[in-house]
């Protein structure tokens, strides 16, 4: 037993007797402690050792959080370190997660099992961390057969969900969560095994590169239970104007390595050559067409515009870019442009298959819809073809008319489009000489309305063709049996030049030119 006997003050002058402080320390001092509380960051599965050098990095700096203040006060007494067990985010449901430095994208990767999840039941849920509103939920991952996780979340999301869900292309295959709203979003993500069946854990969840840095784990138990909160900043698309854009763009003699971006300019879809871009487009971007053989073109076949960016990486150069007025070369060497939606419907061709006594028609477009075809007997049949589908009918000689309530469009050589009304086609197996039509008069009236009159071979179709319209008519008129006169009345721009020719079956006559 240790005994300490301390005399009173002023020993030798005055005695206060003996004070017995047996088993009592002469100085009281805190030597160890644990604090349980809510903090911005940190582990929740076991206590953390916190000291003056790591308190801000481990817990996040929150001078108004009483739990954080308690930890700081303990360290300020001189305690070298303290054990801290974090039980959650300060505030309601993660509403105080920091949005400083946030971006609008979260990339998640889930490991996939080798076998089906016949007995495994998992839930994936994304909700508002402040209000608790569920934005999208997949209740049972073993029901994902033909869809990936991003597709299911997109299909099952709520009507007012401010997020988009998708999957990044090969080779990453991330589940991409994108904030599509104009304000910060604090989200809670839960990935949970619902039934404990004794089977091995088969799924892991990871936050991948390119994600917003503002996230914090609540639970992170491998293969069993994940929960974290995250802030996504507003979606701010790159300001590339689509005013006057065409659906395609051409490059001459492009070479070298580029970073290619489509719509999202945070991460490139590919770093590579124009040829590798073509290969990626063919497999992963069905709404874009592209080809490269020294001459490089990109064509948007979607019904929505898409913005592109190309950044030079090594040995990157190009000779010329044409067919798109939105193209810009920037000071850093990067190239940007917008591709407009592909026209709703285009008449591709009509032709006679003489050997099989058939007539073939084809249409393309991003929204072809219903087309009325009037045959030579006057019978109207409605078709709803898909793009580039070939319609095959029994051959009947005479006039066919193609009509769509929305009209048809055609492409000029500069990539711009023009409008066409009804399209006429004269089915015939005639393969003899066709005579050039005669233009009698060309006059311009108010509002640029032009009237063109002339004569042509009887029982033919007359096509009016612009000098820049790739030899395709911008308007059609019929010359009926026994007649020769034709008249066009249509709006044409100033300084227009073109020609008129007769069309009969697969044949065409020489063209009569004019300028107005």
Protein backbone atom coordinates (compact mmCIF):
# COMPACT_ATOMS: atom_id res chain seq x y z
CA UNK A 1 0.00 0.00 0.00
CA UNK A 2 1.25 3.47 -0.91
CA UNK A 3 0.74 6.12 1.74
CA UNK A 4 1.29 9.81 1.16
CA UNK A 5 1.32 12.14 4.13
CA UNK A 6 1.39 15.83 3.36
CA UNK A 7 1.87 18.46 6.06
CA UNK A 8 -0.16 21.63 6.13
CA UNK A 9 1.16 24.94 4.86
CA UNK A 10 3.98 26.90 6.52
CA UNK A 11 5.70 23.90 8.00
CA UNK A 12 7.76 24.85 11.05
CA UNK A 13 5.72 27.96 11.68
CA UNK A 14 2.29 26.56 12.12
CA UNK A 15 1.02 22.97 12.26
CA UNK A 16 -2.32 21.88 10.83
CA UNK A 17 -1.82 18.26 11.70
CA UNK A 18 -1.36 15.29 9.36
CA UNK A 19 -3.58 14.90 6.25
CA UNK A 20 -3.97 11.28 5.08
CA UNK A 21 -4.45 10.99 1.25
CA UNK A 22 -4.01 7.27 1.00
CA UNK A 23 -4.84 5.80 -2.49
CA UNK A 24 -5.63 9.30 -3.88
CA UNK A 25 -3.66 10.77 -6.79
CA UNK A 26 -2.04 14.05 -6.09
CA UNK A 27 -3.19 15.43 -9.48
CA UNK A 28 -6.41 14.60 -11.34
CA UNK A 29 -5.96 14.31 -15.16
CA UNK A 30 -7.96 12.68 -18.04
CA UNK A 31 -5.79 9.95 -19.64
CA UNK A 32 -8.23 8.14 -21.98
CA UNK A 33 -11.75 8.61 -23.40
CA UNK A 34 -14.18 7.58 -26.15
CA UNK A 35 -16.79 9.85 -27.71
CA UNK A 36 -19.72 8.57 -29.73
CA UNK A 37 -21.29 11.14 -32.06
CA UNK A 38 -22.32 12.30 -35.52
CA UNK A 39 -19.68 13.69 -37.81
CA UNK A 40 -19.27 14.74 -41.45
CA UNK A 41 -16.73 12.03 -42.26
CA UNK A 42 -15.16 8.94 -40.78
CA UNK A 43 -15.62 5.22 -40.17
CA UNK A 44 -18.72 3.75 -38.59
CA UNK A 45 -17.66 0.10 -38.29
CA UNK A 46 -15.07 0.66 -35.51
CA UNK A 47 -13.60 3.49 -33.39
CA UNK A 48 -11.05 5.86 -34.89
CA UNK A 49 -8.01 7.29 -33.11
CA UNK A 50 -8.31 11.08 -33.39
CA UNK A 51 -5.57 13.57 -32.48
CA UNK A 52 -4.84 17.23 -33.16
CA UNK A 53 -3.12 16.39 -36.44
CA UNK A 54 -5.97 14.44 -38.06
CA UNK A 55 -9.21 15.69 -36.51
CA UNK A 56 -10.23 17.82 -39.49
CA UNK A 57 -9.18 15.27 -42.08
CA UNK A 58 -10.84 12.31 -40.36
CA UNK A 59 -14.03 13.90 -39.04
CA UNK A 60 -14.47 16.94 -41.30
CA UNK A 61 -14.28 20.47 -39.93
CA UNK A 62 -17.62 21.37 -38.28
CA UNK A 63 -17.10 24.16 -35.70
CA UNK A 64 -20.87 24.31 -35.00
CA UNK A 65 -21.33 20.58 -34.44
CA UNK A 66 -21.53 19.91 -30.67
CA UNK A 67 -20.06 16.41 -31.11
CA UNK A 68 -17.08 17.85 -32.98
CA UNK A 69 -16.65 20.55 -30.30
CA UNK A 70 -16.58 17.84 -27.60
CA UNK A 71 -13.73 16.01 -29.37
CA UNK A 72 -11.80 19.25 -29.87
CA UNK A 73 -12.23 20.25 -26.20
CA UNK A 74 -10.83 16.90 -25.05
CA UNK A 75 -7.76 17.29 -27.25
CA UNK A 76 -7.32 20.90 -26.09
CA UNK A 77 -6.88 19.67 -22.48
CA UNK A 78 -3.63 18.06 -23.57
CA UNK A 79 -4.95 14.54 -24.19
CA UNK A 80 -2.70 13.06 -26.92
CA UNK A 81 -5.55 11.20 -28.69
CA UNK A 82 -9.13 10.10 -28.25
CA UNK A 83 -11.21 7.19 -29.57
CA UNK A 84 -14.19 8.34 -31.66
CA UNK A 85 -17.04 6.15 -32.89
CA UNK A 86 -19.06 7.76 -35.66
CA UNK A 87 -22.73 6.84 -35.82
CA UNK A 88 -23.93 9.06 -38.68
CA UNK A 89 -23.96 12.38 -40.48
CA UNK A 90 -24.66 15.54 -38.51
CA UNK A 91 -28.19 16.64 -39.33
CA UNK A 92 -31.27 14.86 -40.66
CA UNK A 93 -30.56 12.02 -43.09
CA UNK A 94 -27.29 13.43 -44.37
CA UNK A 95 -28.72 16.85 -45.16
CA UNK A 96 -25.44 18.48 -44.08
CA UNK A 97 -23.13 16.59 -46.43
CA UNK A 98 -20.84 19.19 -47.97
CA UNK A 99 -21.41 20.21 -51.60
CA UNK A 100 -18.12 22.09 -51.85
CA UNK A 101 -16.27 20.89 -54.94
CA UNK A 102 -19.15 18.64 -56.02
CA UNK A 103 -19.66 17.55 -59.62
CA UNK A 104 -22.88 16.32 -61.20
CA UNK A 105 -21.90 12.66 -61.74
CA UNK A 106 -21.54 9.57 -59.56
CA UNK A 107 -20.01 6.41 -61.07
CA UNK A 108 -20.74 3.13 -59.30
CA UNK A 109 -19.41 -0.33 -60.06
CA UNK A 110 -21.01 -3.55 -58.80
CA UNK A 111 -19.22 -6.86 -59.08
CA UNK A 112 -21.29 -9.43 -60.88
CA UNK A 113 -21.61 -13.14 -59.93
CA UNK A 114 -20.59 -15.94 -62.24
CA UNK A 115 -23.93 -17.67 -61.71
CA UNK A 116 -27.48 -16.35 -61.57
CA UNK A 117 -28.78 -14.82 -58.36
CA UNK A 118 -31.56 -17.36 -57.99
CA UNK A 119 -31.50 -17.28 -54.18
CA UNK A 120 -29.95 -13.88 -53.62
CA UNK A 121 -32.21 -10.91 -52.89
CA UNK A 122 -30.72 -7.42 -53.01
CA UNK A 123 -32.21 -3.93 -52.99
CA UNK A 124 -30.70 -0.85 -54.61
CA UNK A 125 -32.33 2.44 -53.59
CA UNK A 126 -31.55 6.09 -54.34
CA UNK A 127 -33.41 8.71 -52.31
CA UNK A 128 -33.24 12.34 -51.22
CA UNK A 129 -31.01 12.49 -48.13
CA UNK A 130 -32.92 15.48 -46.75
CA UNK A 131 -36.58 14.60 -47.37
CA UNK A 132 -36.36 10.83 -47.69
CA UNK A 133 -38.19 10.86 -51.06
CA UNK A 134 -37.31 7.74 -53.05
CA UNK A 135 -36.16 8.59 -56.57
CA UNK A 136 -35.62 5.04 -57.82
CA UNK A 137 -35.55 1.57 -56.32
CA UNK A 138 -34.81 -1.92 -57.60
CA UNK A 139 -36.20 -4.30 -55.01
CA UNK A 140 -34.72 -7.54 -56.28
CA UNK A 141 -31.54 -7.62 -58.34
CA UNK A 142 -32.09 -11.23 -59.42
CA UNK A 143 -34.90 -9.92 -61.66
CA UNK A 144 -32.37 -8.07 -63.82
CA UNK A 145 -32.22 -10.32 -66.85
CA UNK A 146 -32.00 -8.28 -70.05
CA UNK A 147 -31.29 -4.93 -68.32
CA UNK A 148 -28.25 -3.56 -66.55
CA UNK A 149 -28.63 -1.79 -63.20
CA UNK A 150 -28.62 1.68 -64.79
CA UNK A 151 -31.40 0.73 -67.21
CA UNK A 152 -33.56 -0.66 -64.38
CA UNK A 153 -33.06 2.42 -62.21
CA UNK A 154 -33.98 4.63 -65.18
CA UNK A 155 -37.10 2.59 -65.96
CA UNK A 156 -38.26 2.48 -62.33
CA UNK A 157 -37.50 6.08 -61.33
CA UNK A 158 -40.26 8.35 -60.02
CA UNK A 159 -42.04 10.79 -62.30
CA UNK A 160 -40.37 13.87 -60.78
CA UNK A 161 -36.93 12.32 -60.36
CA UNK A 162 -34.17 14.94 -60.94
CA UNK A 163 -31.67 12.23 -61.91
CA UNK A 164 -30.77 10.18 -64.94
CA UNK A 165 -29.42 6.63 -64.68
CA UNK A 166 -27.36 4.95 -67.37
CA UNK A 167 -24.38 2.70 -67.98
CA UNK A 168 -21.06 3.96 -69.29
CA UNK A 169 -19.73 2.29 -72.44
CA UNK A 170 -17.11 -0.43 -72.66
CA UNK A 171 -14.72 -1.09 -71.04
CA UNK A 172 -15.93 0.61 -67.84
CA UNK A 173 -19.62 -0.37 -67.54
CA UNK A 174 -20.17 1.99 -64.58
CA UNK A 175 -23.67 2.71 -63.37
CA UNK A 176 -23.81 6.48 -63.92
CA UNK A 177 -26.05 8.66 -61.74
CA UNK A 178 -26.35 12.18 -63.19
CA UNK A 179 -27.95 15.22 -61.56
CA UNK A 180 -30.14 16.71 -64.29
CA UNK A 181 -31.59 19.51 -62.15
CA UNK A 182 -30.39 23.09 -61.66
CA UNK A 183 -29.59 22.77 -57.94
CA UNK A 184 -27.42 20.75 -55.54
CA UNK A 185 -28.82 17.32 -54.69
CA UNK A 186 -27.96 15.46 -51.48
CA UNK A 187 -28.65 11.78 -52.03
CA UNK A 188 -28.69 8.63 -49.96
CA UNK A 189 -27.71 5.39 -51.70
CA UNK A 190 -28.54 2.02 -50.12
CA UNK A 191 -27.34 -1.32 -51.52
CA UNK A 192 -28.51 -4.06 -49.19
CA UNK A 193 -28.78 -7.81 -49.04
CA UNK A 194 -32.37 -8.50 -47.93
CA UNK A 195 -32.22 -12.20 -47.07
CA UNK A 196 -29.41 -13.87 -45.14
CA UNK A 197 -29.39 -17.32 -46.71
CA UNK A 198 -25.96 -18.53 -45.74
CA UNK A 199 -24.79 -18.30 -49.33
CA UNK A 200 -21.42 -16.68 -50.07
CA UNK A 201 -21.51 -12.93 -50.54
CA UNK A 202 -21.31 -12.27 -54.26
CA UNK A 203 -21.73 -8.51 -54.87
CA UNK A 204 -19.49 -5.60 -53.96
CA UNK A 205 -20.11 -1.89 -54.53
CA UNK A 206 -17.40 0.66 -55.34
CA UNK A 207 -17.37 4.39 -56.06
CA UNK A 208 -15.22 4.82 -59.16
CA UNK A 209 -13.03 7.53 -60.64
CA UNK A 210 -14.75 10.50 -62.25
CA UNK A 211 -17.27 10.66 -59.40
CA UNK A 212 -18.06 13.73 -57.34
CA UNK A 213 -15.66 13.89 -54.36
CA UNK A 214 -18.47 14.79 -51.94
CA UNK A 215 -19.57 11.43 -50.54
CA UNK A 216 -19.39 9.74 -47.16
CA UNK A 217 -19.94 6.10 -46.23
CA UNK A 218 -22.43 5.19 -43.51
CA UNK A 219 -22.05 1.42 -43.93
CA UNK A 220 -19.53 -0.45 -46.01
CA UNK A 221 -19.74 -4.15 -45.22
CA UNK A 222 -18.38 -6.07 -48.22
CA UNK A 223 -21.03 -8.04 -50.06
CA UNK A 224 -23.75 -7.44 -47.48
CA UNK A 225 -24.75 -3.87 -46.74
CA UNK A 226 -23.73 -0.51 -48.21
CA UNK A 227 -25.06 2.93 -47.41
CA UNK A 228 -23.61 6.35 -48.17
CA UNK A 229 -24.64 9.95 -48.73
CA UNK A 230 -23.41 12.10 -51.57
CA UNK A 231 -23.87 15.57 -53.02
CA UNK A 232 -24.23 16.10 -56.77
CA UNK A 233 -23.92 19.59 -58.19
CA UNK A 234 -26.33 20.99 -60.81
CA UNK A 235 -25.96 19.77 -64.37
CA UNK A 236 -24.23 22.47 -66.42
CA UNK A 237 -23.93 21.39 -70.06
CA UNK A 238 -21.16 22.91 -72.11
CA UNK A 239 -22.49 25.91 -73.98
CA UNK A 240 -22.13 24.77 -77.57
CA UNK A 241 -24.70 26.46 -79.74
CA UNK A 242 -26.92 24.26 -81.89
CA UNK A 243 -28.31 27.26 -83.75
CA UNK A 244 -28.28 26.43 -87.44
CA UNK A 245 -26.64 23.04 -86.85
CA UNK A 246 -26.77 20.26 -89.41
CA UNK A 247 -27.13 16.57 -88.61
CA UNK A 248 -23.62 15.74 -89.85
CA UNK A 249 -20.05 16.98 -90.12
CA UNK A 250 -17.13 15.99 -92.38
CA UNK A 251 -13.38 16.13 -91.70
CA UNK A 252 -10.65 15.80 -94.32
CA UNK A 253 -7.41 13.94 -93.60
CA UNK A 254 -7.84 13.74 -89.83
CA UNK A 255 -5.01 11.97 -88.00
CA UNK A 256 -3.43 11.38 -84.59
CA UNK A 257 -4.90 10.68 -81.15
CA UNK A 258 -7.81 12.64 -79.71
CA UNK A 259 -10.02 12.68 -76.61
CA UNK A 260 -13.60 12.30 -77.88
CA UNK A 261 -16.58 13.58 -75.85
CA UNK A 262 -20.32 13.33 -76.50
CA UNK A 263 -22.67 15.62 -74.47
CA UNK A 264 -20.84 15.05 -71.15
CA UNK A 265 -17.51 16.89 -71.27
CA UNK A 266 -16.19 15.72 -67.88
CA UNK A 267 -14.78 12.42 -69.11
CA UNK A 268 -14.00 11.35 -72.69
CA UNK A 269 -15.81 8.36 -74.13
CA UNK A 270 -12.56 7.41 -75.84
CA UNK A 271 -8.93 8.38 -76.21
CA UNK A 272 -7.84 7.18 -79.63
CA UNK A 273 -7.86 7.71 -83.38
CA UNK A 274 -10.77 8.51 -85.68
CA UNK A 275 -10.79 4.84 -86.64
CA UNK A 276 -11.18 3.69 -83.04
CA UNK A 277 -13.96 6.26 -82.60
CA UNK A 278 -15.81 4.68 -85.54
CA UNK A 279 -15.46 1.22 -83.95
CA UNK A 280 -16.79 2.45 -80.58
CA UNK A 281 -19.73 4.24 -82.20
CA UNK A 282 -20.70 1.08 -84.10
CA UNK A 283 -21.04 -0.93 -80.88
CA UNK A 284 -22.06 1.50 -78.12
CA UNK A 285 -23.76 4.56 -79.65
CA UNK A 286 -26.66 3.44 -81.87
CA UNK A 287 -27.89 7.02 -82.35
CA UNK A 288 -24.66 8.07 -84.12
CA UNK A 289 -23.19 6.93 -87.44
CA UNK A 290 -19.55 7.43 -88.36
CA UNK A 291 -16.96 6.22 -90.85
CA UNK A 292 -13.28 6.87 -91.53
CA UNK A 293 -10.99 6.15 -94.47
CA UNK A 294 -8.86 9.27 -94.30
CA UNK A 295 -12.12 11.15 -94.82
CA UNK A 296 -13.97 11.21 -91.47
CA UNK A 297 -17.69 11.91 -91.03
CA UNK A 298 -20.07 11.86 -88.06
CA UNK A 299 -23.86 11.79 -88.49
CA UNK A 300 -26.55 12.14 -85.83
CA UNK A 301 -29.46 9.80 -86.63
CA UNK A 302 -31.27 10.55 -83.35
CA UNK A 303 -34.30 12.81 -82.90
CA UNK A 304 -32.37 14.86 -80.30
CA UNK A 305 -29.33 17.14 -80.82
CA UNK A 306 -25.93 16.02 -79.53
CA UNK A 307 -22.85 18.11 -78.70
CA UNK A 308 -19.32 16.92 -79.42
CA UNK A 309 -15.85 17.87 -78.31
CA UNK A 310 -12.48 16.63 -79.59
CA UNK A 311 -9.26 17.44 -77.71
CA UNK A 312 -5.86 16.79 -79.33
CA UNK A 313 -3.65 14.33 -77.43
CA UNK A 314 -0.69 13.42 -79.67
CA UNK A 315 -0.01 13.99 -83.35
CA UNK A 316 -3.57 15.27 -83.79
CA UNK A 317 -4.41 17.26 -86.92
CA UNK A 318 -7.09 17.71 -89.57
CA UNK A 319 -7.24 19.46 -92.91
CA UNK A 320 -10.76 20.85 -93.07
CA UNK A 321 -14.21 20.55 -91.45
CA UNK A 322 -17.33 21.05 -93.56
CA UNK A 323 -21.12 20.70 -93.57
CA UNK A 324 -21.72 22.16 -90.10
CA UNK A 325 -21.86 25.88 -89.22
CA UNK A 326 -21.52 25.24 -85.46
CA UNK A 327 -17.95 23.93 -85.81
CA UNK A 328 -15.38 25.88 -83.73
CA UNK A 329 -11.64 25.39 -83.35
CA UNK A 330 -10.56 26.79 -79.97
CA UNK A 331 -7.24 28.34 -78.93
CA UNK A 332 -6.17 25.18 -77.08
CA UNK A 333 -6.66 23.15 -80.26
CA UNK A 334 -9.89 21.50 -79.16
CA UNK A 335 -12.79 21.21 -81.61
CA UNK A 336 -16.48 21.55 -80.73
CA UNK A 337 -19.66 21.22 -82.76
CA UNK A 338 -23.34 20.35 -82.45
CA UNK A 339 -25.17 17.80 -84.58
CA UNK A 340 -28.84 18.62 -85.10
CA UNK A 341 -31.56 15.96 -84.92
CA UNK A 342 -31.83 13.82 -88.01
CA UNK A 343 -34.81 14.85 -90.17
CA UNK A 344 -38.10 13.20 -89.29
CA UNK A 345 -38.43 11.45 -92.64
CA UNK A 346 -36.61 11.32 -95.95
CA UNK A 347 -37.62 9.64 -99.18
CA UNK A 348 -34.61 7.51 -100.09
CA UNK A 349 -35.60 5.96 -103.41
CA UNK A 350 -38.13 4.08 -105.54
CA UNK A 351 -37.00 1.58 -108.15
CA UNK A 352 -38.31 -1.09 -110.45
CA UNK A 353 -37.16 -4.70 -110.08
CA UNK A 354 -37.93 -5.75 -113.67
CA UNK A 355 -36.72 -9.34 -113.25
CA UNK A 356 -39.11 -10.05 -110.37
CA UNK A 357 -41.93 -7.67 -111.41
CA UNK A 358 -41.65 -5.76 -108.15
CA UNK A 359 -41.44 -2.11 -107.16
CA UNK A 360 -39.34 -1.11 -104.13
CA UNK A 361 -39.56 1.95 -101.88
CA UNK A 362 -37.37 3.05 -98.97
CA UNK A 363 -37.58 5.82 -96.37
CA UNK A 364 -35.26 6.94 -93.58
CA UNK A 365 -35.50 9.34 -90.64
CA UNK A 366 -35.63 9.63 -86.86
CA UNK A 367 -39.45 9.69 -86.69
CA UNK A 368 -40.88 8.41 -89.97
CA UNK A 369 -44.40 7.80 -88.68
CA UNK A 370 -47.20 6.85 -91.05
CA UNK A 371 -46.87 7.30 -94.82
CA UNK A 372 -49.81 7.11 -97.23
CA UNK A 373 -48.99 5.50 -100.57
CA UNK A 374 -51.49 5.99 -103.39
CA UNK A 375 -51.05 3.40 -106.16
CA UNK A 376 -52.00 3.76 -109.86
CA UNK A 377 -55.54 2.49 -109.18
CA UNK A 378 -56.11 5.28 -106.65
CA UNK A 379 -56.03 2.92 -103.64
CA UNK A 380 -54.41 4.49 -100.56
CA UNK A 381 -52.45 2.17 -98.25
CA UNK A 382 -50.88 3.31 -94.97
CA UNK A 383 -47.43 2.12 -93.97
CA UNK A 384 -45.35 2.73 -90.85
CA UNK A 385 -41.89 1.69 -92.02
CA UNK A 386 -38.76 1.65 -89.93
CA UNK A 387 -35.70 3.51 -91.16
CA UNK A 388 -34.18 2.09 -94.34
CA UNK A 389 -36.73 -0.71 -94.48
CA UNK A 390 -37.46 -1.71 -98.09
CA UNK A 391 -41.16 -1.90 -98.95
CA UNK A 392 -41.74 -4.38 -101.79
CA UNK A 393 -45.00 -4.28 -103.80
CA UNK A 394 -46.18 -6.04 -106.92
CA UNK A 395 -45.30 -3.97 -109.96
CA UNK A 396 -48.16 -1.93 -111.42
CA UNK A 397 -47.41 0.68 -114.07
CA UNK A 398 -48.57 4.23 -113.41
CA UNK A 399 -48.32 7.06 -110.89
CA UNK A 400 -47.54 6.53 -107.19
CA UNK A 401 -47.86 9.33 -104.63
CA UNK A 402 -46.20 9.35 -101.19
CA UNK A 403 -47.79 11.59 -98.57
CA UNK A 404 -46.97 12.36 -94.93
CA UNK A 405 -48.75 14.90 -92.77
CA UNK A 406 -45.36 16.19 -91.67
CA UNK A 407 -43.91 16.28 -95.18
CA UNK A 408 -40.52 15.00 -96.24
CA UNK A 409 -37.03 16.48 -96.16
CA UNK A 410 -33.93 16.21 -98.30
CA UNK A 411 -30.22 16.92 -97.77
CA UNK A 412 -28.29 19.62 -99.57
CA UNK A 413 -24.62 19.08 -100.36
CA UNK A 414 -23.65 21.47 -97.51
CA UNK A 415 -25.53 19.37 -94.96
CA UNK A 416 -28.55 21.67 -94.66
CA UNK A 417 -32.06 20.34 -95.35
CA UNK A 418 -34.99 21.42 -97.46
CA UNK A 419 -38.71 20.66 -97.24
CA UNK A 420 -40.66 18.61 -99.75
CA UNK A 421 -44.42 18.16 -100.03
CA UNK A 422 -45.94 15.11 -101.71
CA UNK A 423 -43.56 12.95 -103.73
CA UNK A 424 -44.65 11.52 -107.10
CA UNK A 425 -43.15 8.54 -108.87
CA UNK A 426 -44.04 7.23 -112.34
CA UNK A 427 -43.55 3.46 -112.44
CA UNK A 428 -42.53 2.35 -115.92
CA UNK A 429 -40.22 -0.17 -117.56
CA UNK A 430 -39.52 2.25 -120.43
CA UNK A 431 -35.78 2.47 -121.15
CA UNK A 432 -35.68 4.58 -124.29
CA UNK A 433 -34.66 8.17 -124.94
CA UNK A 434 -36.20 10.88 -122.77
CA UNK A 435 -36.35 14.48 -123.94
CA UNK A 436 -35.31 17.52 -121.95
CA UNK A 437 -38.31 19.55 -120.71
CA UNK A 438 -38.83 23.12 -121.91
CA UNK A 439 -39.12 26.01 -119.43
CA UNK A 440 -41.53 28.69 -120.70
CA UNK A 441 -41.41 31.23 -117.84
CA UNK A 442 -39.89 31.83 -114.40
CA UNK A 443 -41.32 34.70 -112.30
CA UNK A 444 -40.88 35.76 -108.69
CA UNK A 445 -43.79 37.29 -106.77
CA UNK A 446 -44.39 38.51 -103.22
CA UNK A 447 -42.75 36.62 -100.32
CA UNK A 448 -40.31 34.94 -102.73
CA UNK A 449 -43.06 32.82 -104.30
CA UNK A 450 -41.73 31.61 -107.66
CA UNK A 451 -43.91 30.34 -110.52
CA UNK A 452 -42.30 28.12 -113.17
CA UNK A 453 -44.21 26.93 -116.25
CA UNK A 454 -43.13 24.63 -119.06
CA UNK A 455 -43.81 21.55 -121.15
CA UNK A 456 -42.53 17.99 -120.84
CA UNK A 457 -43.04 14.46 -122.11
CA UNK A 458 -46.54 13.20 -121.41
CA UNK A 459 -47.15 10.71 -118.57
CA UNK A 460 -43.98 11.54 -116.63
CA UNK A 461 -43.01 13.16 -113.35
CA UNK A 462 -41.13 16.46 -113.50
CA UNK A 463 -38.57 17.09 -110.76
CA UNK A 464 -37.27 20.53 -109.78
CA UNK A 465 -33.68 20.23 -108.52
CA UNK A 466 -31.45 22.77 -106.78
CA UNK A 467 -27.80 23.00 -107.77
CA UNK A 468 -26.85 22.05 -104.18
CA UNK A 469 -29.44 19.32 -103.56
CA UNK A 470 -27.31 16.27 -104.48
CA UNK A 471 -29.29 15.76 -107.72
CA UNK A 472 -32.46 15.00 -105.71
CA UNK A 473 -35.69 16.93 -106.45
CA UNK A 474 -36.87 19.55 -104.00
CA UNK A 475 -40.37 19.46 -105.57
CA UNK A 476 -42.39 17.17 -107.88
CA UNK A 477 -45.22 17.68 -110.40
CA UNK A 478 -47.13 15.12 -112.49
CA UNK A 479 -47.63 15.39 -116.27
CA UNK A 480 -50.72 13.25 -116.79
CA UNK A 481 -51.50 10.99 -119.76
CA UNK A 482 -52.19 13.06 -122.88
CA UNK A 483 -50.89 16.28 -121.27
CA UNK A 484 -47.58 18.11 -121.59
CA UNK A 485 -47.87 21.26 -119.42
CA UNK A 486 -46.50 21.56 -115.88
CA UNK A 487 -46.44 24.37 -113.30
CA UNK A 488 -44.45 24.75 -110.09
CA UNK A 489 -45.52 27.31 -107.49
CA UNK A 490 -43.17 27.35 -104.49
CA UNK A 491 -41.00 29.54 -102.31
CA UNK A 492 -37.38 29.83 -103.48
CA UNK A 493 -34.59 31.96 -101.98
CA UNK A 494 -33.01 34.89 -103.90
CA UNK A 495 -30.30 34.01 -106.40
CA UNK A 496 -31.60 30.45 -106.73
CA UNK A 497 -30.23 28.25 -109.51
CA UNK A 498 -31.23 24.76 -110.54
CA UNK A 499 -32.74 22.64 -113.28
CA UNK A 500 -35.82 20.65 -114.23
CA UNK A 501 -35.89 17.17 -115.72
CA UNK A 502 -38.36 14.39 -116.52
CA UNK A 503 -38.39 11.22 -114.42
CA UNK A 504 -39.81 7.94 -115.72
CA UNK A 505 -39.22 4.66 -113.90
CA UNK A 506 -35.49 4.29 -113.33
CA UNK A 507 -34.71 6.81 -116.11
CA UNK A 508 -34.11 10.57 -116.09
CA UNK A 509 -33.88 13.12 -118.89
CA UNK A 510 -31.28 15.86 -119.36
CA UNK A 511 -32.02 18.96 -117.28
CA UNK A 512 -33.24 22.38 -118.38
CA UNK A 513 -31.39 24.94 -116.24
CA UNK A 514 -32.62 28.26 -114.87
CA UNK A 515 -31.59 31.02 -112.43
CA UNK A 516 -33.75 33.51 -110.58
